[in-house]
Amino acid sequence: AEQELDGEKSTIEVVLVRKNTTTAGFTAIGPSEATDNPAAI
């Protein structure tokens, strides 16, 4: 997602994963187009 907050632009990346009966969410927020939710994490 692209976000504007107080005139600043940033990127939000959200990953939601189901493993068996559990869901886990991962979020990364950073400067516009520079965000990455590392696959290794």
Full PDB file with SEQRES, HELIX, SHEET, SSBOND, CRYST1, ORIGX, SCALE, CONECT and MASTER records, all heavy atoms in Angstrom:
SEQRES   1 A   41  ALA GLU GLN GLU LEU ASP GLY GLU LYS SER THR ILE GLU          
SEQRES   2 A   41  VAL VAL LEU VAL ARG LYS ASN THR THR THR ALA GLY PHE          
SEQRES   3 A   41  THR ALA ILE GLY PRO SER GLU ALA THR ASP ASN PRO ALA          
SEQRES   4 A   41  ALA ILE                                                      
SHEET    1 AA1 3 GLU A   2  LEU A   5  0                                        
SHEET    2 AA1 3 GLU A   8  LYS A  19 -1                                        
SHEET    3 AA1 3 THR A  22  PRO A  31 -1                                        
CRYST1    1.000    1.000    1.000  90.00  90.00  90.00 P 1           1          
ORIGX1      1.000000  0.000000  0.000000        0.00000                         
ORIGX2      0.000000  1.000000  0.000000        0.00000                         
ORIGX3      0.000000  0.000000  1.000000        0.00000                         
SCALE1      1.000000  0.000000  0.000000        0.00000                         
SCALE2      0.000000  1.000000  0.000000        0.00000                         
SCALE3      0.000000  0.000000  1.000000        0.00000                         
ATOM      1  N   ALA A   1       0.849  -1.194   0.000  1.00  0.00           N  
ATOM      2  CA  ALA A   1       0.000   0.000   0.000  1.00  0.00           C  
ATOM      3  C   ALA A   1       0.882   1.240   0.000  1.00  0.00           C  
ATOM      4  O   ALA A   1       1.957   1.256   0.596  1.00  0.00           O  
ATOM      5  CB  ALA A   1      -0.909   0.011   1.224  1.00  0.00           C  
ATOM      6  N   GLU A   2       0.410   2.271  -0.679  1.00  0.00           N  
ATOM      7  CA  GLU A   2       1.086   3.563  -0.651  1.00  0.00           C  
ATOM      8  C   GLU A   2       0.332   4.458   0.310  1.00  0.00           C  
ATOM      9  O   GLU A   2      -0.892   4.549   0.240  1.00  0.00           O  
ATOM     10  CB  GLU A   2       1.129   4.165  -2.045  1.00  0.00           C  
ATOM     11  CG  GLU A   2       1.977   3.363  -3.009  1.00  0.00           C  
ATOM     12  CD  GLU A   2       1.959   3.913  -4.424  1.00  0.00           C  
ATOM     13  OE1 GLU A   2       1.332   4.963  -4.662  1.00  0.00           O  
ATOM     14  OE2 GLU A   2       2.566   3.273  -5.295  1.00  0.00           O  
ATOM     15  N   GLN A   3       1.063   5.119   1.207  1.00  0.00           N  
ATOM     16  CA  GLN A   3       0.457   5.927   2.260  1.00  0.00           C  
ATOM     17  C   GLN A   3       0.982   7.356   2.204  1.00  0.00           C  
ATOM     18  O   GLN A   3       2.146   7.589   1.907  1.00  0.00           O  
ATOM     19  CB  GLN A   3       0.825   5.313   3.611  1.00  0.00           C  
ATOM     20  CG  GLN A   3       0.478   6.176   4.797  1.00  0.00           C  
ATOM     21  CD  GLN A   3       0.968   5.576   6.084  1.00  0.00           C  
ATOM     22  OE1 GLN A   3       0.203   4.917   6.755  1.00  0.00           O  
ATOM     23  NE2 GLN A   3       2.220   5.772   6.438  1.00  0.00           N  
ATOM     24  N   GLU A   4       0.088   8.315   2.506  1.00  0.00           N  
ATOM     25  CA  GLU A   4       0.484   9.706   2.699  1.00  0.00           C  
ATOM     26  C   GLU A   4       0.089  10.090   4.117  1.00  0.00           C  
ATOM     27  O   GLU A   4      -1.056   9.931   4.512  1.00  0.00           O  
ATOM     28  CB  GLU A   4      -0.219  10.624   1.704  1.00  0.00           C  
ATOM     29  CG  GLU A   4       0.266  10.484   0.284  1.00  0.00           C  
ATOM     30  CD  GLU A   4      -0.451  11.419  -0.676  1.00  0.00           C  
ATOM     31  OE1 GLU A   4      -1.053  12.420  -0.231  1.00  0.00           O  
ATOM     32  OE2 GLU A   4      -0.417  11.126  -1.878  1.00  0.00           O  
ATOM     33  N   LEU A   5       1.063  10.571   4.889  1.00  0.00           N  
ATOM     34  CA  LEU A   5       0.840  10.965   6.274  1.00  0.00           C  
ATOM     35  C   LEU A   5       1.663  12.213   6.540  1.00  0.00           C  
ATOM     36  O   LEU A   5       2.876  12.194   6.367  1.00  0.00           O  
ATOM     37  CB  LEU A   5       1.242   9.836   7.222  1.00  0.00           C  
ATOM     38  CG  LEU A   5       1.137  10.095   8.715  1.00  0.00           C  
ATOM     39  CD1 LEU A   5      -0.316  10.325   9.127  1.00  0.00           C  
ATOM     40  CD2 LEU A   5       1.721   8.919   9.486  1.00  0.00           C  
ATOM     41  N   ASP A   6       1.016  13.286   6.911  1.00  0.00           N  
ATOM     42  CA  ASP A   6       1.697  14.560   7.175  1.00  0.00           C  
ATOM     43  C   ASP A   6       2.550  15.002   5.996  1.00  0.00           C  
ATOM     44  O   ASP A   6       3.673  15.492   6.164  1.00  0.00           O  
ATOM     45  CB  ASP A   6       2.553  14.474   8.439  1.00  0.00           C  
ATOM     46  CG  ASP A   6       1.735  14.221   9.688  1.00  0.00           C  
ATOM     47  OD1 ASP A   6       0.570  14.661   9.730  1.00  0.00           O  
ATOM     48  OD2 ASP A   6       2.267  13.582  10.612  1.00  0.00           O  
ATOM     49  N   GLY A   7       2.057  14.806   4.785  1.00  0.00           N  
ATOM     50  CA  GLY A   7       2.768  15.225   3.582  1.00  0.00           C  
ATOM     51  C   GLY A   7       3.907  14.310   3.157  1.00  0.00           C  
ATOM     52  O   GLY A   7       4.545  14.543   2.148  1.00  0.00           O  
ATOM     53  N   GLU A   8       4.176  13.278   3.922  1.00  0.00           N  
ATOM     54  CA  GLU A   8       5.236  12.316   3.611  1.00  0.00           C  
ATOM     55  C   GLU A   8       4.631  11.062   3.000  1.00  0.00           C  
ATOM     56  O   GLU A   8       3.622  10.561   3.475  1.00  0.00           O  
ATOM     57  CB  GLU A   8       6.002  11.924   4.879  1.00  0.00           C  
ATOM     58  CG  GLU A   8       6.697  13.066   5.571  1.00  0.00           C  
ATOM     59  CD  GLU A   8       7.944  13.522   4.840  1.00  0.00           C  
ATOM     60  OE1 GLU A   8       8.649  12.661   4.264  1.00  0.00           O  
ATOM     61  OE2 GLU A   8       8.197  14.735   4.830  1.00  0.00           O  
ATOM     62  N   LYS A   9       5.281  10.537   1.960  1.00  0.00           N  
ATOM     63  CA  LYS A   9       4.830   9.295   1.340  1.00  0.00           C  
ATOM     64  C   LYS A   9       5.657   8.142   1.864  1.00  0.00           C  
ATOM     65  O   LYS A   9       6.852   8.264   2.098  1.00  0.00           O  
ATOM     66  CB  LYS A   9       4.962   9.385  -0.176  1.00  0.00           C  
ATOM     67  CG  LYS A   9       4.007  10.373  -0.793  1.00  0.00           C  
ATOM     68  CD  LYS A   9       4.100  10.351  -2.292  1.00  0.00           C  
ATOM     69  CE  LYS A   9       3.107  11.345  -2.882  1.00  0.00           C  
ATOM     70  NZ  LYS A   9       3.112  11.308  -4.338  1.00  0.00           N  
ATOM     71  N   SER A  10       4.995   7.017   2.060  1.00  0.00           N  
ATOM     72  CA  SER A  10       5.691   5.802   2.476  1.00  0.00           C  
ATOM     73  C   SER A  10       4.981   4.592   1.895  1.00  0.00           C  
ATOM     74  O   SER A  10       3.878   4.691   1.370  1.00  0.00           O  
ATOM     75  CB  SER A  10       5.761   5.702   4.003  1.00  0.00           C  
ATOM     76  OG  SER A  10       4.465   5.664   4.551  1.00  0.00           O  
ATOM     77  N   THR A  11       5.643   3.465   1.999  1.00  0.00           N  
ATOM     78  CA  THR A  11       5.099   2.211   1.506  1.00  0.00           C  
ATOM     79  C   THR A  11       4.897   1.266   2.691  1.00  0.00           C  
ATOM     80  O   THR A  11       5.740   1.189   3.575  1.00  0.00           O  
ATOM     81  CB  THR A  11       6.062   1.571   0.481  1.00  0.00           C  
ATOM     82  OG1 THR A  11       6.238   2.484  -0.606  1.00  0.00           O  
ATOM     83  CG2 THR A  11       5.521   0.264  -0.049  1.00  0.00           C  
ATOM     84  N   ILE A  12       3.765   0.583   2.679  1.00  0.00           N  
ATOM     85  CA  ILE A  12       3.455  -0.410   3.704  1.00  0.00           C  
ATOM     86  C   ILE A  12       3.324  -1.757   3.004  1.00  0.00           C  
ATOM     87  O   ILE A  12       2.567  -1.879   2.039  1.00  0.00           O  
ATOM     88  CB  ILE A  12       2.130  -0.086   4.421  1.00  0.00           C  
ATOM     89  CG1 ILE A  12       2.163   1.307   5.024  1.00  0.00           C  
ATOM     90  CG2 ILE A  12       1.812  -1.144   5.478  1.00  0.00           C  
ATOM     91  CD1 ILE A  12       0.808   1.790   5.500  1.00  0.00           C  
ATOM     92  N   GLU A  13       4.053  -2.735   3.476  1.00  0.00           N  
ATOM     93  CA  GLU A  13       3.922  -4.083   2.933  1.00  0.00           C  
ATOM     94  C   GLU A  13       3.387  -4.982   4.033  1.00  0.00           C  
ATOM     95  O   GLU A  13       3.928  -5.010   5.134  1.00  0.00           O  
ATOM     96  CB  GLU A  13       5.262  -4.601   2.435  1.00  0.00           C  
ATOM     97  CG  GLU A  13       5.120  -5.944   1.745  1.00  0.00           C  
ATOM     98  CD  GLU A  13       6.417  -6.418   1.148  1.00  0.00           C  
ATOM     99  OE1 GLU A  13       6.967  -5.731   0.282  1.00  0.00           O  
ATOM    100  OE2 GLU A  13       6.870  -7.494   1.573  1.00  0.00           O  
ATOM    101  N   VAL A  14       2.304  -5.698   3.728  1.00  0.00           N  
ATOM    102  CA  VAL A  14       1.663  -6.583   4.692  1.00  0.00           C  
ATOM    103  C   VAL A  14       1.615  -7.988   4.107  1.00  0.00           C  
ATOM    104  O   VAL A  14       1.207  -8.177   2.965  1.00  0.00           O  
ATOM    105  CB  VAL A  14       0.223  -6.103   5.008  1.00  0.00           C  
ATOM    106  CG1 VAL A  14      -0.469  -7.061   5.957  1.00  0.00           C  
ATOM    107  CG2 VAL A  14       0.241  -4.692   5.565  1.00  0.00           C  
ATOM    108  N   VAL A  15       2.035  -8.964   4.902  1.00  0.00           N  
ATOM    109  CA  VAL A  15       1.942 -10.377   4.524  1.00  0.00           C  
ATOM    110  C   VAL A  15       1.190 -11.086   5.636  1.00  0.00           C  
ATOM    111  O   VAL A  15       1.537 -10.948   6.809  1.00  0.00           O  
ATOM    112  CB  VAL A  15       3.338 -11.014   4.338  1.00  0.00           C  
ATOM    113  CG1 VAL A  15       3.210 -12.493   4.000  1.00  0.00           C  
ATOM    114  CG2 VAL A  15       4.136 -10.289   3.270  1.00  0.00           C  
ATOM    115  N   LEU A  16       0.153 -11.820   5.286  1.00  0.00           N  
ATOM    116  CA  LEU A  16      -0.604 -12.618   6.240  1.00  0.00           C  
ATOM    117  C   LEU A  16      -0.480 -14.074   5.799  1.00  0.00           C  
ATOM    118  O   LEU A  16      -0.760 -14.397   4.641  1.00  0.00           O  
ATOM    119  CB  LEU A  16      -2.068 -12.191   6.279  1.00  0.00           C  
ATOM    120  CG  LEU A  16      -2.943 -12.893   7.294  1.00  0.00           C  
ATOM    121  CD1 LEU A  16      -2.510 -12.539   8.713  1.00  0.00           C  
ATOM    122  CD2 LEU A  16      -4.400 -12.526   7.091  1.00  0.00           C  
ATOM    123  N   VAL A  17      -0.039 -14.938   6.716  1.00  0.00           N  
ATOM    124  CA  VAL A  17       0.243 -16.332   6.388  1.00  0.00           C  
ATOM    125  C   VAL A  17      -0.541 -17.246   7.310  1.00  0.00           C  
ATOM    126  O   VAL A  17      -0.636 -16.996   8.509  1.00  0.00           O  
ATOM    127  CB  VAL A  17       1.756 -16.626   6.551  1.00  0.00           C  
ATOM    128  CG1 VAL A  17       2.061 -18.074   6.209  1.00  0.00           C  
ATOM    129  CG2 VAL A  17       2.580 -15.683   5.703  1.00  0.00           C  
ATOM    130  N   ARG A  18      -1.090 -18.333   6.735  1.00  0.00           N  
ATOM    131  CA  ARG A  18      -1.725 -19.378   7.546  1.00  0.00           C  
ATOM    132  C   ARG A  18      -0.828 -20.597   7.533  1.00  0.00           C  
ATOM    133  O   ARG A  18      -0.385 -21.059   6.480  1.00  0.00           O  
ATOM    134  CB  ARG A  18      -3.088 -19.772   6.988  1.00  0.00           C  
ATOM    135  CG  ARG A  18      -3.752 -20.899   7.825  1.00  0.00           C  
ATOM    136  CD  ARG A  18      -5.081 -21.342   7.269  1.00  0.00           C  
ATOM    137  NE  ARG A  18      -4.976 -22.039   6.005  1.00  0.00           N  
ATOM    138  CZ  ARG A  18      -4.659 -23.330   5.860  1.00  0.00           C  
ATOM    139  NH1 ARG A  18      -4.384 -24.085   6.911  1.00  0.00           N  
ATOM    140  NH2 ARG A  18      -4.607 -23.871   4.665  1.00  0.00           N  
ATOM    141  N   LYS A  19      -0.532 -21.114   8.706  1.00  0.00           N  
ATOM    142  CA  LYS A  19       0.212 -22.367   8.868  1.00  0.00           C  
ATOM    143  C   LYS A  19      -0.629 -23.227   9.801  1.00  0.00           C  
ATOM    144  O   LYS A  19      -0.812 -22.879  10.977  1.00  0.00           O  
ATOM    145  CB  LYS A  19       1.590 -22.091   9.455  1.00  0.00           C  
ATOM    146  CG  LYS A  19       2.424 -23.314   9.677  1.00  0.00           C  
ATOM    147  CD  LYS A  19       2.989 -23.831   8.384  1.00  0.00           C  
ATOM    148  CE  LYS A  19       3.959 -24.963   8.695  1.00  0.00           C  
ATOM    149  NZ  LYS A  19       4.505 -25.530   7.508  1.00  0.00           N  
ATOM    150  N   ASN A  20      -1.204 -24.302   9.269  1.00  0.00           N  
ATOM    151  CA  ASN A  20      -2.142 -25.143  10.022  1.00  0.00           C  
ATOM    152  C   ASN A  20      -3.294 -24.279  10.532  1.00  0.00           C  
ATOM    153  O   ASN A  20      -4.010 -23.708   9.746  1.00  0.00           O  
ATOM    154  CB  ASN A  20      -1.424 -25.894  11.146  1.00  0.00           C  
ATOM    155  CG  ASN A  20      -0.344 -26.807  10.632  1.00  0.00           C  
ATOM    156  OD1 ASN A  20      -0.539 -27.482   9.627  1.00  0.00           O  
ATOM    157  ND2 ASN A  20       0.798 -26.825  11.286  1.00  0.00           N  
ATOM    158  N   THR A  21      -3.445 -24.150  11.838  1.00  0.00           N  
ATOM    159  CA  THR A  21      -4.576 -23.389  12.385  1.00  0.00           C  
ATOM    160  C   THR A  21      -4.172 -21.989  12.852  1.00  0.00           C  
ATOM    161  O   THR A  21      -4.978 -21.288  13.454  1.00  0.00           O  
ATOM    162  CB  THR A  21      -5.200 -24.135  13.579  1.00  0.00           C  
ATOM    163  OG1 THR A  21      -4.217 -24.282  14.605  1.00  0.00           O  
ATOM    164  CG2 THR A  21      -5.735 -25.495  13.159  1.00  0.00           C  
ATOM    165  N   THR A  22      -2.952 -21.594  12.566  1.00  0.00           N  
ATOM    166  CA  THR A  22      -2.441 -20.310  13.049  1.00  0.00           C  
ATOM    167  C   THR A  22      -2.270 -19.328  11.891  1.00  0.00           C  
ATOM    168  O   THR A  22      -1.787 -19.705  10.825  1.00  0.00           O  
ATOM    169  CB  THR A  22      -1.079 -20.506  13.747  1.00  0.00           C  
ATOM    170  OG1 THR A  22      -1.249 -21.436  14.816  1.00  0.00           O  
ATOM    171  CG2 THR A  22      -0.536 -19.200  14.296  1.00  0.00           C  
ATOM    172  N   THR A  23      -2.653 -18.077  12.127  1.00  0.00           N  
ATOM    173  CA  THR A  23      -2.351 -17.014  11.164  1.00  0.00           C  
ATOM    174  C   THR A  23      -1.313 -16.094  11.793  1.00  0.00           C  
ATOM    175  O   THR A  23      -1.356 -15.813  12.987  1.00  0.00           O  
ATOM    176  CB  THR A  23      -3.600 -16.197  10.771  1.00  0.00           C  
ATOM    177  OG1 THR A  23      -4.209 -15.679  11.947  1.00  0.00           O  
ATOM    178  CG2 THR A  23      -4.592 -17.036  10.004  1.00  0.00           C  
ATOM    179  N   ALA A  24      -0.385 -15.656  10.971  1.00  0.00           N  
ATOM    180  CA  ALA A  24       0.664 -14.738  11.421  1.00  0.00           C  
ATOM    181  C   ALA A  24       0.757 -13.595  10.427  1.00  0.00           C  
ATOM    182  O   ALA A  24       0.676 -13.812   9.217  1.00  0.00           O  
ATOM    183  CB  ALA A  24       2.002 -15.468  11.515  1.00  0.00           C  
ATOM    184  N   GLY A  25       0.903 -12.389  10.944  1.00  0.00           N  
ATOM    185  CA  GLY A  25       0.997 -11.211  10.085  1.00  0.00           C  
ATOM    186  C   GLY A  25       2.358 -10.555  10.208  1.00  0.00           C  
ATOM    187  O   GLY A  25       2.952 -10.520  11.285  1.00  0.00           O  
ATOM    188  N   PHE A  26       2.859 -10.054   9.092  1.00  0.00           N  
ATOM    189  CA  PHE A  26       4.142  -9.370   9.031  1.00  0.00           C  
ATOM    190  C   PHE A  26       3.932  -8.049   8.308  1.00  0.00           C  
ATOM    191  O   PHE A  26       3.336  -8.014   7.234  1.00  0.00           O  
ATOM    192  CB  PHE A  26       5.170 -10.225   8.278  1.00  0.00           C  
ATOM    193  CG  PHE A  26       5.306 -11.608   8.856  1.00  0.00           C  
ATOM    194  CD1 PHE A  26       4.524 -12.652   8.391  1.00  0.00           C  
ATOM    195  CD2 PHE A  26       6.204 -11.847   9.887  1.00  0.00           C  
ATOM    196  CE1 PHE A  26       4.640 -13.926   8.923  1.00  0.00           C  
ATOM    197  CE2 PHE A  26       6.327 -13.121  10.431  1.00  0.00           C  
ATOM    198  CZ  PHE A  26       5.546 -14.157   9.955  1.00  0.00           C  
ATOM    199  N   THR A  27       4.439  -6.970   8.881  1.00  0.00           N  
ATOM    200  CA  THR A  27       4.259  -5.648   8.293  1.00  0.00           C  
ATOM    201  C   THR A  27       5.601  -4.935   8.241  1.00  0.00           C  
ATOM    202  O   THR A  27       6.369  -4.972   9.209  1.00  0.00           O  
ATOM    203  CB  THR A  27       3.292  -4.801   9.141  1.00  0.00           C  
ATOM    204  OG1 THR A  27       2.059  -5.506   9.269  1.00  0.00           O  
ATOM    205  CG2 THR A  27       3.016  -3.462   8.493  1.00  0.00           C  
ATOM    206  N   ALA A  28       5.876  -4.296   7.113  1.00  0.00           N  
ATOM    207  CA  ALA A  28       7.066  -3.466   6.961  1.00  0.00           C  
ATOM    208  C   ALA A  28       6.619  -2.108   6.436  1.00  0.00           C  
ATOM    209  O   ALA A  28       5.785  -2.035   5.537  1.00  0.00           O  
ATOM    210  CB  ALA A  28       8.055  -4.112   5.999  1.00  0.00           C  
ATOM    211  N   ILE A  29       7.154  -1.042   7.031  1.00  0.00           N  
ATOM    212  CA  ILE A  29       6.827   0.322   6.607  1.00  0.00           C  
ATOM    213  C   ILE A  29       8.130   1.057   6.369  1.00  0.00           C  
ATOM    214  O   ILE A  29       9.048   0.983   7.190  1.00  0.00           O  
ATOM    215  CB  ILE A  29       6.002   1.066   7.682  1.00  0.00           C  
ATOM    216  CG1 ILE A  29       4.727   0.295   7.992  1.00  0.00           C  
ATOM    217  CG2 ILE A  29       5.683   2.483   7.231  1.00  0.00           C  
ATOM    218  CD1 ILE A  29       3.945   0.848   9.170  1.00  0.00           C  
ATOM    219  N   GLY A  30       8.206   1.755   5.252  1.00  0.00           N  
ATOM    220  CA  GLY A  30       9.429   2.492   4.959  1.00  0.00           C  
ATOM    221  C   GLY A  30       9.198   3.587   3.948  1.00  0.00           C  
ATOM    222  O   GLY A  30       8.071   3.810   3.498  1.00  0.00           O  
ATOM    223  N   PRO A  31      10.275   4.269   3.583  1.00  0.00           N  
ATOM    224  CA  PRO A  31      10.153   5.343   2.586  1.00  0.00           C  
ATOM    225  C   PRO A  31       9.531   4.815   1.302  1.00  0.00           C  
ATOM    226  O   PRO A  31       9.636   3.634   0.989  1.00  0.00           O  
ATOM    227  CB  PRO A  31      11.594   5.773   2.353  1.00  0.00           C  
ATOM    228  CG  PRO A  31      12.365   5.254   3.513  1.00  0.00           C  
ATOM    229  CD  PRO A  31      11.633   4.049   4.006  1.00  0.00           C  
ATOM    230  N   SER A  32       8.903   5.695   0.564  1.00  0.00           N  
ATOM    231  CA  SER A  32       8.206   5.318  -0.661  1.00  0.00           C  
ATOM    232  C   SER A  32       9.053   4.405  -1.545  1.00  0.00           C  
ATOM    233  O   SER A  32      10.201   4.701  -1.841  1.00  0.00           O  
ATOM    234  CB  SER A  32       7.802   6.576  -1.432  1.00  0.00           C  
ATOM    235  OG  SER A  32       6.973   6.234  -2.504  1.00  0.00           O  
ATOM    236  N   GLU A  33       8.490   3.288  -1.928  1.00  0.00           N  
ATOM    237  CA  GLU A  33       9.073   2.286  -2.826  1.00  0.00           C  
ATOM    238  C   GLU A  33      10.374   1.665  -2.323  1.00  0.00           C  
ATOM    239  O   GLU A  33      11.115   1.078  -3.084  1.00  0.00           O  
ATOM    240  CB  GLU A  33       9.255   2.870  -4.224  1.00  0.00           C  
ATOM    241  CG  GLU A  33       7.926   3.283  -4.851  1.00  0.00           C  
ATOM    242  CD  GLU A  33       8.079   3.757  -6.275  1.00  0.00           C  
ATOM    243  OE1 GLU A  33       8.984   3.289  -6.976  1.00  0.00           O  
ATOM    244  OE2 GLU A  33       7.270   4.597  -6.682  1.00  0.00           O  
ATOM    245  N   ALA A  34      10.672   1.764  -1.023  1.00  0.00           N  
ATOM    246  CA  ALA A  34      11.901   1.189  -0.496  1.00  0.00           C  
ATOM    247  C   ALA A  34      11.626   0.133   0.569  1.00  0.00           C  
ATOM    248  O   ALA A  34      12.513  -0.246   1.296  1.00  0.00           O  
ATOM    249  CB  ALA A  34      12.780   2.295   0.083  1.00  0.00           C  
ATOM    250  N   THR A  35      10.406  -0.345   0.650  1.00  0.00           N  
ATOM    251  CA  THR A  35      10.028  -1.271   1.707  1.00  0.00           C  
ATOM    252  C   THR A  35      10.068  -2.701   1.191  1.00  0.00           C  
ATOM    253  O   THR A  35       9.694  -2.979   0.077  1.00  0.00           O  
ATOM    254  CB  THR A  35       8.613  -0.944   2.203  1.00  0.00           C  
ATOM    255  OG1 THR A  35       8.617   0.402   2.624  1.00  0.00           O  
ATOM    256  CG2 THR A  35       8.194  -1.813   3.350  1.00  0.00           C  
ATOM    257  N   ASP A  36      10.498  -3.603   2.051  1.00  0.00           N  
ATOM    258  CA  ASP A  36      10.502  -5.012   1.690  1.00  0.00           C  
ATOM    259  C   ASP A  36      10.313  -5.826   2.957  1.00  0.00           C  
ATOM    260  O   ASP A  36      10.985  -5.589   3.954  1.00  0.00           O  
ATOM    261  CB  ASP A  36      11.815  -5.389   1.015  1.00  0.00           C  
ATOM    262  CG  ASP A  36      11.809  -6.813   0.483  1.00  0.00           C  
ATOM    263  OD1 ASP A  36      10.728  -7.340   0.191  1.00  0.00           O  
ATOM    264  OD2 ASP A  36      12.893  -7.387   0.364  1.00  0.00           O  
ATOM    265  N   ASN A  37       9.381  -6.750   2.929  1.00  0.00           N  
ATOM    266  CA  ASN A  37       9.170  -7.680   4.033  1.00  0.00           C  
ATOM    267  C   ASN A  37      10.069  -8.867   3.727  1.00  0.00           C  
ATOM    268  O   ASN A  37       9.724  -9.706   2.901  1.00  0.00           O  
ATOM    269  CB  ASN A  37       7.696  -8.103   4.061  1.00  0.00           C  
ATOM    270  CG  ASN A  37       7.110  -8.062   5.429  1.00  0.00           C  
ATOM    271  OD1 ASN A  37       7.801  -8.252   6.406  1.00  0.00           O  
ATOM    272  ND2 ASN A  37       5.821  -7.824   5.500  1.00  0.00           N  
ATOM    273  N   PRO A  38      11.249  -8.942   4.314  1.00  0.00           N  
ATOM    274  CA  PRO A  38      12.225  -9.960   3.918  1.00  0.00           C  
ATOM    275  C   PRO A  38      11.681 -11.382   4.017  1.00  0.00           C  
ATOM    276  O   PRO A  38      11.195 -11.793   5.066  1.00  0.00           O  
ATOM    277  CB  PRO A  38      13.383  -9.752   4.893  1.00  0.00           C  
ATOM    278  CG  PRO A  38      13.211  -8.350   5.389  1.00  0.00           C  
ATOM    279  CD  PRO A  38      11.722  -8.113   5.395  1.00  0.00           C  
ATOM    280  N   ALA A  39      11.784 -12.117   2.928  1.00  0.00           N  
ATOM    281  CA  ALA A  39      11.295 -13.496   2.877  1.00  0.00           C  
ATOM    282  C   ALA A  39      11.999 -14.362   3.915  1.00  0.00           C  
ATOM    283  O   ALA A  39      11.387 -15.268   4.482  1.00  0.00           O  
ATOM    284  CB  ALA A  39      11.485 -14.066   1.474  1.00  0.00           C  
ATOM    285  N   ALA A  40      13.265 -14.082   4.203  1.00  0.00           N  
ATOM    286  CA  ALA A  40      14.008 -14.877   5.180  1.00  0.00           C  
ATOM    287  C   ALA A  40      13.410 -14.734   6.579  1.00  0.00           C  
ATOM    288  O   ALA A  40      13.359 -15.697   7.338  1.00  0.00           O  
ATOM    289  CB  ALA A  40      15.480 -14.458   5.190  1.00  0.00           C  
ATOM    290  N   ILE A  41      12.943 -13.537   6.927  1.00  0.00           N  
ATOM    291  CA  ILE A  41      12.329 -13.323   8.240  1.00  0.00           C  
ATOM    292  C   ILE A  41      11.003 -14.059   8.330  1.00  0.00           C  
ATOM    293  O   ILE A  41      10.708 -14.724   9.319  1.00  0.00           O  
ATOM    294  CB  ILE A  41      12.163 -11.818   8.531  1.00  0.00           C  
ATOM    295  CG1 ILE A  41      13.551 -11.186   8.709  1.00  0.00           C  
ATOM    296  CG2 ILE A  41      11.286 -11.590   9.766  1.00  0.00           C  
ATOM    297  CD1 ILE A  41      13.547  -9.697   8.859  1.00  0.00           C  
TER     298      ILE A  41                                                      
MASTER        0    0    0    0    3    0    0    6  297    1    0    4          
END                                                                             
